[in-house]
N, C-alpha and C. Protein backbone atom coordinates (compact mmCIF):
# COMPACT_ATOMS: atom_id res chain seq x y z
N MET A 1 -1.40 9.95 12.01
CA MET A 1 -1.24 10.66 10.75
C MET A 1 -1.73 9.76 9.62
N PRO A 2 -2.70 10.22 8.85
CA PRO A 2 -3.19 9.38 7.75
C PRO A 2 -2.15 9.26 6.63
N VAL A 3 -2.23 8.13 5.95
CA VAL A 3 -1.35 7.84 4.82
C VAL A 3 -2.21 7.79 3.58
N LEU A 4 -1.79 8.48 2.54
CA LEU A 4 -2.52 8.47 1.28
C LEU A 4 -1.91 7.41 0.38
N ARG A 5 -2.75 6.51 -0.11
CA ARG A 5 -2.33 5.47 -1.05
C ARG A 5 -3.14 5.65 -2.31
N GLN A 6 -2.56 5.26 -3.43
CA GLN A 6 -3.28 5.34 -4.70
C GLN A 6 -3.14 3.97 -5.36
N ILE A 7 -4.24 3.21 -5.41
CA ILE A 7 -4.16 1.83 -5.91
C ILE A 7 -4.60 1.70 -7.36
N THR A 8 -4.98 2.80 -7.99
CA THR A 8 -5.24 2.82 -9.43
C THR A 8 -4.61 4.09 -10.00
N THR A 9 -4.50 4.13 -11.31
CA THR A 9 -4.08 5.37 -11.97
C THR A 9 -5.27 5.99 -12.69
N CYS A 10 -6.44 5.48 -12.41
CA CYS A 10 -7.67 5.98 -13.02
C CYS A 10 -7.95 7.40 -12.53
N THR A 11 -8.33 8.26 -13.45
CA THR A 11 -8.61 9.65 -13.08
C THR A 11 -10.11 9.94 -12.97
N GLU A 12 -10.92 8.90 -13.10
CA GLU A 12 -12.37 9.07 -12.99
C GLU A 12 -12.75 9.40 -11.54
N PRO A 13 -13.85 10.13 -11.36
CA PRO A 13 -14.31 10.38 -10.00
C PRO A 13 -14.88 9.10 -9.39
N SER A 14 -14.75 8.98 -8.09
CA SER A 14 -15.26 7.79 -7.42
C SER A 14 -16.79 7.83 -7.37
N THR A 15 -17.37 6.64 -7.40
CA THR A 15 -18.83 6.51 -7.26
C THR A 15 -19.17 5.63 -6.07
N VAL A 16 -18.17 4.91 -5.55
CA VAL A 16 -18.37 4.02 -4.42
C VAL A 16 -17.30 4.34 -3.37
N VAL A 17 -17.72 4.41 -2.12
CA VAL A 17 -16.81 4.63 -1.01
C VAL A 17 -16.92 3.44 -0.08
N ILE A 18 -15.77 2.89 0.30
CA ILE A 18 -15.72 1.81 1.28
C ILE A 18 -14.99 2.39 2.48
N GLU A 19 -15.66 2.36 3.60
CA GLU A 19 -15.08 2.92 4.81
C GLU A 19 -15.18 1.88 5.92
N ARG A 20 -14.04 1.59 6.53
CA ARG A 20 -14.06 0.65 7.65
C ARG A 20 -13.90 1.44 8.94
N ARG A 21 -14.88 1.30 9.79
CA ARG A 21 -14.84 1.95 11.09
C ARG A 21 -13.80 1.27 11.97
N ALA A 22 -13.11 2.04 12.76
CA ALA A 22 -12.06 1.51 13.62
C ALA A 22 -12.64 1.01 14.93
N LEU A 23 -11.98 0.00 15.46
CA LEU A 23 -12.33 -0.47 16.80
C LEU A 23 -11.44 0.22 17.83
N ALA A 24 -10.42 0.91 17.35
CA ALA A 24 -9.49 1.61 18.24
C ALA A 24 -10.10 2.90 18.76
N ARG A 25 -9.74 3.27 19.96
CA ARG A 25 -10.28 4.48 20.57
C ARG A 25 -9.66 5.76 20.01
N ASP A 26 -8.45 5.65 19.46
CA ASP A 26 -7.74 6.85 19.02
C ASP A 26 -8.09 7.29 17.61
N ARG A 27 -8.97 6.56 16.93
CA ARG A 27 -9.40 6.98 15.59
C ARG A 27 -10.79 6.41 15.31
N SER A 28 -11.54 7.09 14.47
CA SER A 28 -12.90 6.64 14.18
C SER A 28 -12.97 5.79 12.92
N VAL A 29 -11.95 5.91 12.05
CA VAL A 29 -11.94 5.19 10.77
C VAL A 29 -10.59 4.51 10.59
N ASP A 30 -10.60 3.27 10.10
CA ASP A 30 -9.36 2.58 9.75
C ASP A 30 -8.88 3.06 8.38
N TYR A 31 -9.78 3.03 7.41
CA TYR A 31 -9.43 3.50 6.07
C TYR A 31 -10.68 3.88 5.31
N ARG A 32 -10.45 4.61 4.23
CA ARG A 32 -11.52 5.02 3.32
C ARG A 32 -10.99 4.81 1.90
N LEU A 33 -11.65 3.97 1.14
CA LEU A 33 -11.28 3.67 -0.24
C LEU A 33 -12.35 4.23 -1.17
N GLU A 34 -11.91 4.91 -2.21
CA GLU A 34 -12.85 5.44 -3.21
C GLU A 34 -12.53 4.81 -4.56
N VAL A 35 -13.56 4.30 -5.23
CA VAL A 35 -13.38 3.71 -6.56
C VAL A 35 -14.51 4.13 -7.49
N CYS A 36 -14.21 4.11 -8.78
CA CYS A 36 -15.23 4.42 -9.79
C CYS A 36 -16.01 3.14 -10.11
N ARG A 37 -17.01 3.27 -10.93
CA ARG A 37 -17.84 2.13 -11.30
C ARG A 37 -17.01 1.02 -11.96
N ARG A 38 -16.09 1.39 -12.83
CA ARG A 38 -15.28 0.41 -13.55
C ARG A 38 -14.34 -0.36 -12.63
N HIS A 39 -13.86 0.27 -11.56
CA HIS A 39 -12.91 -0.37 -10.66
C HIS A 39 -13.52 -0.81 -9.34
N ARG A 40 -14.84 -0.89 -9.28
CA ARG A 40 -15.47 -1.27 -8.01
C ARG A 40 -15.12 -2.69 -7.59
N TRP A 41 -14.64 -3.51 -8.52
CA TRP A 41 -14.21 -4.87 -8.18
C TRP A 41 -13.07 -4.85 -7.17
N LEU A 42 -12.29 -3.78 -7.16
CA LEU A 42 -11.19 -3.68 -6.19
C LEU A 42 -11.72 -3.66 -4.76
N ALA A 43 -12.92 -3.18 -4.58
CA ALA A 43 -13.50 -3.07 -3.24
C ALA A 43 -13.75 -4.42 -2.60
N SER A 44 -13.78 -5.49 -3.39
CA SER A 44 -14.05 -6.81 -2.82
C SER A 44 -12.95 -7.24 -1.85
N ASN A 45 -11.75 -6.68 -1.97
CA ASN A 45 -10.66 -7.01 -1.06
C ASN A 45 -10.62 -6.12 0.17
N TRP A 46 -11.49 -5.12 0.22
CA TRP A 46 -11.48 -4.15 1.29
C TRP A 46 -12.80 -4.21 2.06
N PRO A 47 -12.84 -4.89 3.20
CA PRO A 47 -14.09 -4.95 3.96
C PRO A 47 -14.44 -3.60 4.55
N GLY A 48 -15.72 -3.35 4.64
CA GLY A 48 -16.20 -2.11 5.24
C GLY A 48 -17.56 -1.73 4.71
N ARG A 49 -18.07 -0.62 5.19
CA ARG A 49 -19.38 -0.12 4.77
C ARG A 49 -19.24 0.53 3.40
N ARG A 50 -20.10 0.12 2.47
CA ARG A 50 -20.09 0.67 1.12
C ARG A 50 -21.22 1.66 0.96
N SER A 51 -20.91 2.77 0.31
CA SER A 51 -21.94 3.76 0.03
C SER A 51 -21.46 4.67 -1.08
N ALA A 52 -22.36 5.50 -1.56
CA ALA A 52 -21.99 6.53 -2.54
C ALA A 52 -21.80 7.86 -1.83
N GLU A 53 -22.11 7.87 -0.55
CA GLU A 53 -22.01 9.09 0.25
C GLU A 53 -20.56 9.56 0.34
N GLY A 54 -20.33 10.79 0.00
CA GLY A 54 -18.99 11.34 0.06
C GLY A 54 -18.11 10.98 -1.12
N SER A 55 -18.69 10.32 -2.13
CA SER A 55 -17.89 9.96 -3.29
C SER A 55 -17.63 11.21 -4.13
N GLY A 56 -16.82 11.06 -5.13
CA GLY A 56 -16.48 12.19 -5.98
C GLY A 56 -15.00 12.49 -5.98
N GLY A 57 -14.26 11.82 -5.09
CA GLY A 57 -12.80 11.92 -5.10
C GLY A 57 -12.26 11.13 -6.28
N GLN A 58 -10.96 10.99 -6.38
CA GLN A 58 -10.36 10.25 -7.49
C GLN A 58 -10.42 8.75 -7.22
N CYS A 59 -10.71 7.99 -8.25
CA CYS A 59 -10.76 6.54 -8.16
C CYS A 59 -9.42 5.99 -7.67
N GLY A 60 -9.50 5.04 -6.76
CA GLY A 60 -8.31 4.36 -6.27
C GLY A 60 -7.64 5.01 -5.08
N THR A 61 -8.18 6.10 -4.60
CA THR A 61 -7.58 6.78 -3.46
C THR A 61 -7.96 6.08 -2.17
N VAL A 62 -6.94 5.76 -1.37
CA VAL A 62 -7.13 5.18 -0.05
C VAL A 62 -6.53 6.14 0.96
N THR A 63 -7.34 6.56 1.90
CA THR A 63 -6.84 7.32 3.03
C THR A 63 -6.80 6.34 4.19
N ASP A 64 -5.59 6.03 4.64
CA ASP A 64 -5.37 4.96 5.60
C ASP A 64 -4.94 5.54 6.95
N TYR A 65 -5.72 5.27 7.97
CA TYR A 65 -5.47 5.82 9.31
C TYR A 65 -4.89 4.77 10.27
N ARG A 66 -4.67 3.57 9.79
CA ARG A 66 -4.21 2.50 10.66
C ARG A 66 -2.75 2.69 11.07
N PRO A 67 -2.32 1.98 12.11
CA PRO A 67 -0.91 2.03 12.50
C PRO A 67 -0.01 1.41 11.42
N PHE A 68 1.26 1.75 11.47
CA PHE A 68 2.25 1.32 10.49
C PHE A 68 2.17 -0.18 10.20
N ALA A 69 2.21 -1.00 11.23
CA ALA A 69 2.23 -2.46 11.03
C ALA A 69 0.99 -2.95 10.28
N GLU A 70 -0.16 -2.37 10.56
CA GLU A 70 -1.38 -2.79 9.87
C GLU A 70 -1.38 -2.35 8.40
N ILE A 71 -0.85 -1.17 8.12
CA ILE A 71 -0.78 -0.72 6.73
C ILE A 71 0.20 -1.59 5.95
N VAL A 72 1.34 -1.90 6.55
CA VAL A 72 2.32 -2.78 5.89
C VAL A 72 1.69 -4.14 5.62
N GLN A 73 0.95 -4.67 6.60
CA GLN A 73 0.30 -5.96 6.40
C GLN A 73 -0.73 -5.89 5.28
N SER A 74 -1.43 -4.77 5.18
CA SER A 74 -2.38 -4.58 4.09
C SER A 74 -1.67 -4.58 2.74
N HIS A 75 -0.56 -3.86 2.65
CA HIS A 75 0.22 -3.88 1.40
C HIS A 75 0.64 -5.32 1.08
N ALA A 76 1.12 -6.04 2.08
CA ALA A 76 1.58 -7.42 1.86
C ALA A 76 0.43 -8.33 1.43
N ASP A 77 -0.69 -8.27 2.13
CA ASP A 77 -1.82 -9.15 1.85
C ASP A 77 -2.50 -8.86 0.52
N LEU A 78 -2.70 -7.59 0.23
CA LEU A 78 -3.50 -7.21 -0.94
C LEU A 78 -2.69 -6.96 -2.21
N TRP A 79 -1.37 -6.82 -2.07
CA TRP A 79 -0.61 -6.42 -3.25
C TRP A 79 0.75 -7.13 -3.35
N LEU A 80 1.59 -6.99 -2.34
CA LEU A 80 2.97 -7.48 -2.44
C LEU A 80 3.04 -9.00 -2.66
N ARG A 81 2.25 -9.75 -1.92
CA ARG A 81 2.28 -11.22 -2.06
C ARG A 81 1.85 -11.64 -3.46
N ALA A 82 0.83 -10.99 -3.99
CA ALA A 82 0.37 -11.33 -5.35
C ALA A 82 1.43 -10.99 -6.39
N LEU A 83 2.18 -9.93 -6.16
CA LEU A 83 3.19 -9.49 -7.12
C LEU A 83 4.49 -10.26 -7.00
N THR A 84 4.92 -10.56 -5.77
CA THR A 84 6.26 -11.13 -5.56
C THR A 84 6.26 -12.49 -4.88
N ALA A 85 5.10 -12.99 -4.51
CA ALA A 85 4.95 -14.30 -3.85
C ALA A 85 5.64 -14.37 -2.49
N ASN A 86 5.83 -13.23 -1.84
CA ASN A 86 6.36 -13.26 -0.47
C ASN A 86 5.93 -12.02 0.29
N GLY A 87 6.07 -12.11 1.60
CA GLY A 87 5.75 -11.01 2.49
C GLY A 87 6.63 -11.10 3.71
N PRO A 88 6.50 -10.18 4.65
CA PRO A 88 7.35 -10.18 5.83
C PRO A 88 7.32 -11.49 6.62
N GLU A 89 6.16 -12.14 6.68
CA GLU A 89 6.07 -13.39 7.44
C GLU A 89 6.93 -14.50 6.83
N ASP A 90 7.28 -14.38 5.56
CA ASP A 90 8.15 -15.36 4.91
C ASP A 90 9.63 -15.11 5.23
N HIS A 91 9.89 -14.02 5.95
CA HIS A 91 11.26 -13.63 6.29
C HIS A 91 11.35 -13.34 7.78
N ASP A 92 10.67 -14.17 8.58
CA ASP A 92 10.65 -14.03 10.03
C ASP A 92 10.25 -12.62 10.47
N GLY A 93 9.32 -12.01 9.74
CA GLY A 93 8.83 -10.69 10.08
C GLY A 93 9.74 -9.54 9.66
N ASP A 94 10.80 -9.84 8.94
CA ASP A 94 11.76 -8.82 8.50
C ASP A 94 11.24 -8.13 7.25
N LEU A 95 10.70 -6.92 7.43
CA LEU A 95 10.13 -6.17 6.32
C LEU A 95 11.17 -5.88 5.25
N ALA A 96 12.34 -5.44 5.65
CA ALA A 96 13.39 -5.10 4.68
C ALA A 96 13.75 -6.31 3.83
N ALA A 97 13.86 -7.48 4.44
CA ALA A 97 14.20 -8.69 3.69
C ALA A 97 13.10 -9.04 2.70
N ALA A 98 11.84 -8.88 3.09
CA ALA A 98 10.73 -9.19 2.19
C ALA A 98 10.72 -8.22 1.01
N LEU A 99 10.96 -6.95 1.28
CA LEU A 99 10.96 -5.96 0.19
C LEU A 99 12.14 -6.19 -0.75
N ARG A 100 13.30 -6.50 -0.19
CA ARG A 100 14.47 -6.77 -1.01
C ARG A 100 14.25 -8.02 -1.87
N ALA A 101 13.67 -9.05 -1.28
CA ALA A 101 13.38 -10.28 -2.04
C ALA A 101 12.40 -9.98 -3.18
N GLY A 102 11.41 -9.16 -2.91
CA GLY A 102 10.46 -8.77 -3.94
C GLY A 102 11.14 -8.02 -5.07
N SER A 103 11.99 -7.09 -4.72
CA SER A 103 12.73 -6.33 -5.72
C SER A 103 13.62 -7.24 -6.56
N GLU A 104 14.31 -8.16 -5.89
CA GLU A 104 15.19 -9.09 -6.61
C GLU A 104 14.39 -10.00 -7.55
N LEU A 105 13.23 -10.45 -7.10
CA LEU A 105 12.40 -11.29 -7.96
C LEU A 105 11.97 -10.52 -9.22
N LEU A 106 11.59 -9.27 -9.04
CA LEU A 106 11.13 -8.47 -10.17
C LEU A 106 12.25 -8.11 -11.14
N THR A 107 13.48 -8.14 -10.67
CA THR A 107 14.61 -7.78 -11.55
C THR A 107 15.44 -8.99 -11.97
N ALA A 108 15.03 -10.19 -11.58
CA ALA A 108 15.83 -11.38 -11.86
C ALA A 108 16.11 -11.59 -13.34
N HIS A 109 15.16 -11.32 -14.20
CA HIS A 109 15.33 -11.60 -15.62
C HIS A 109 15.07 -10.39 -16.51
N ARG A 110 15.09 -9.20 -15.92
CA ARG A 110 14.85 -8.00 -16.72
C ARG A 110 15.41 -6.78 -15.99
N GLU A 111 15.42 -5.68 -16.70
CA GLU A 111 15.89 -4.43 -16.12
C GLU A 111 14.97 -4.01 -14.98
N PRO A 112 15.49 -3.32 -13.98
CA PRO A 112 14.65 -2.88 -12.87
C PRO A 112 13.53 -1.95 -13.34
N SER A 113 12.33 -2.23 -12.89
CA SER A 113 11.18 -1.37 -13.17
C SER A 113 11.07 -0.34 -12.05
N GLY A 114 10.21 0.63 -12.24
CA GLY A 114 9.96 1.59 -11.17
C GLY A 114 9.47 0.92 -9.91
N VAL A 115 8.67 -0.13 -10.06
CA VAL A 115 8.15 -0.87 -8.91
C VAL A 115 9.31 -1.50 -8.14
N ALA A 116 10.21 -2.17 -8.86
CA ALA A 116 11.35 -2.82 -8.21
C ALA A 116 12.24 -1.80 -7.53
N ILE A 117 12.47 -0.68 -8.16
CA ILE A 117 13.31 0.37 -7.58
C ILE A 117 12.66 0.93 -6.31
N ALA A 118 11.35 1.15 -6.34
CA ALA A 118 10.65 1.66 -5.16
C ALA A 118 10.68 0.63 -4.02
N LEU A 119 10.56 -0.66 -4.34
CA LEU A 119 10.65 -1.70 -3.30
C LEU A 119 12.05 -1.73 -2.69
N GLU A 120 13.07 -1.62 -3.53
CA GLU A 120 14.45 -1.61 -3.04
C GLU A 120 14.67 -0.39 -2.14
N HIS A 121 14.13 0.74 -2.55
CA HIS A 121 14.25 1.96 -1.74
C HIS A 121 13.57 1.77 -0.38
N ALA A 122 12.37 1.20 -0.38
CA ALA A 122 11.65 0.93 0.86
C ALA A 122 12.45 -0.02 1.75
N ALA A 123 13.10 -1.02 1.14
CA ALA A 123 13.93 -1.96 1.91
C ALA A 123 15.10 -1.24 2.57
N ARG A 124 15.74 -0.36 1.84
CA ARG A 124 16.87 0.39 2.40
C ARG A 124 16.43 1.28 3.55
N ILE A 125 15.26 1.88 3.43
CA ILE A 125 14.75 2.72 4.52
C ILE A 125 14.45 1.86 5.75
N ALA A 126 13.79 0.72 5.53
CA ALA A 126 13.48 -0.19 6.64
C ALA A 126 14.75 -0.65 7.34
N GLU A 127 15.80 -0.93 6.58
CA GLU A 127 17.08 -1.32 7.18
C GLU A 127 17.67 -0.18 7.99
N ALA A 128 17.56 1.05 7.49
CA ALA A 128 18.09 2.21 8.20
C ALA A 128 17.35 2.41 9.53
N VAL A 129 16.05 2.16 9.55
CA VAL A 129 15.29 2.28 10.79
C VAL A 129 15.77 1.22 11.77
N THR A 130 15.91 -0.01 11.31
CA THR A 130 16.36 -1.11 12.16
C THR A 130 17.75 -0.84 12.73
N ALA A 131 18.60 -0.24 11.92
CA ALA A 131 19.97 0.06 12.35
C ALA A 131 20.06 1.30 13.23
N GLY A 132 18.95 2.02 13.37
CA GLY A 132 18.95 3.21 14.20
C GLY A 132 19.43 4.47 13.49
N ALA A 133 19.62 4.38 12.16
CA ALA A 133 20.08 5.54 11.39
C ALA A 133 18.96 6.53 11.11
N LEU A 134 17.72 6.08 11.21
CA LEU A 134 16.55 6.96 11.04
C LEU A 134 15.63 6.77 12.24
N PRO A 135 15.04 7.86 12.72
CA PRO A 135 14.05 7.71 13.79
C PRO A 135 12.87 6.86 13.28
N PRO A 136 12.34 5.98 14.11
CA PRO A 136 11.28 5.07 13.66
C PRO A 136 10.09 5.76 12.99
N SER A 137 9.56 6.81 13.58
CA SER A 137 8.36 7.43 13.00
C SER A 137 8.66 8.03 11.63
N GLU A 138 9.80 8.68 11.48
CA GLU A 138 10.16 9.26 10.18
C GLU A 138 10.45 8.16 9.16
N GLY A 139 11.18 7.14 9.57
CA GLY A 139 11.48 6.04 8.66
C GLY A 139 10.24 5.29 8.23
N GLN A 140 9.32 5.07 9.17
CA GLN A 140 8.08 4.38 8.82
C GLN A 140 7.28 5.18 7.80
N ALA A 141 7.23 6.49 7.98
CA ALA A 141 6.51 7.33 7.01
C ALA A 141 7.15 7.23 5.64
N GLN A 142 8.49 7.17 5.59
CA GLN A 142 9.18 7.04 4.31
C GLN A 142 8.96 5.67 3.68
N VAL A 143 8.95 4.62 4.49
CA VAL A 143 8.67 3.27 3.97
C VAL A 143 7.28 3.24 3.35
N LEU A 144 6.30 3.80 4.05
CA LEU A 144 4.93 3.79 3.53
C LEU A 144 4.81 4.62 2.25
N ALA A 145 5.54 5.72 2.18
CA ALA A 145 5.52 6.53 0.95
C ALA A 145 6.12 5.74 -0.21
N ALA A 146 7.22 5.04 0.03
CA ALA A 146 7.84 4.24 -1.03
C ALA A 146 6.92 3.08 -1.45
N LEU A 147 6.29 2.42 -0.49
CA LEU A 147 5.35 1.34 -0.82
C LEU A 147 4.16 1.87 -1.61
N SER A 148 3.67 3.03 -1.23
CA SER A 148 2.54 3.63 -1.95
C SER A 148 2.93 3.96 -3.39
N ALA A 149 4.15 4.49 -3.56
CA ALA A 149 4.63 4.79 -4.92
C ALA A 149 4.75 3.51 -5.74
N ALA A 150 5.30 2.46 -5.13
CA ALA A 150 5.44 1.19 -5.84
C ALA A 150 4.09 0.62 -6.23
N GLU A 151 3.13 0.69 -5.33
CA GLU A 151 1.79 0.17 -5.62
C GLU A 151 1.13 0.96 -6.74
N THR A 152 1.30 2.26 -6.75
CA THR A 152 0.73 3.10 -7.81
C THR A 152 1.40 2.81 -9.15
N LEU A 153 2.72 2.68 -9.14
CA LEU A 153 3.43 2.34 -10.37
C LEU A 153 2.97 0.99 -10.92
N ASP A 154 2.79 0.03 -10.02
CA ASP A 154 2.32 -1.29 -10.46
C ASP A 154 0.90 -1.21 -11.04
N ALA A 155 0.05 -0.43 -10.40
CA ALA A 155 -1.31 -0.25 -10.92
C ALA A 155 -1.28 0.32 -12.32
N GLY A 156 -0.41 1.29 -12.54
CA GLY A 156 -0.27 1.89 -13.88
C GLY A 156 0.22 0.88 -14.91
N ALA A 157 1.19 0.07 -14.52
CA ALA A 157 1.74 -0.94 -15.42
C ALA A 157 0.70 -2.00 -15.79
N ARG A 158 -0.22 -2.28 -14.85
CA ARG A 158 -1.27 -3.28 -15.10
C ARG A 158 -2.48 -2.68 -15.76
N GLY A 159 -2.49 -1.37 -15.93
CA GLY A 159 -3.64 -0.73 -16.56
C GLY A 159 -4.80 -0.52 -15.61
N ALA A 160 -4.56 -0.61 -14.34
CA ALA A 160 -5.64 -0.42 -13.35
C ALA A 160 -5.85 1.06 -13.09
């Protein structure tokens, strides 16, 4: 099931498409990122084939077909670590602990932002999955939705 991510709040149509072909047999594409001319610098963090073919969607839209763990790692590598200076690997692979630590860092000296609240929500969902209170596939989808919301809120706050 593809996951829709929005890494900018830009409403311009995309002019560049970055698509990474999958090595997995169960899917042909890992992800597809669309960006406008002004935000094409974001593509430098996303390896893949670049073209204008199929562009015209909204800038910052990522359609992600990778498995849960790879999408979470992408969030950690490309966004969470830069924002909160930690990721799951800093917490023995515990996603909930990394998200909670990120939320706490963002709220340490100020009122909770939408980003911090979304990270805390994602942490609570991850804990519920670990505790068996939510089925893994449903919980993972909810974690990814919360992370996507947090990433979009952060993009808006940064003016991206």
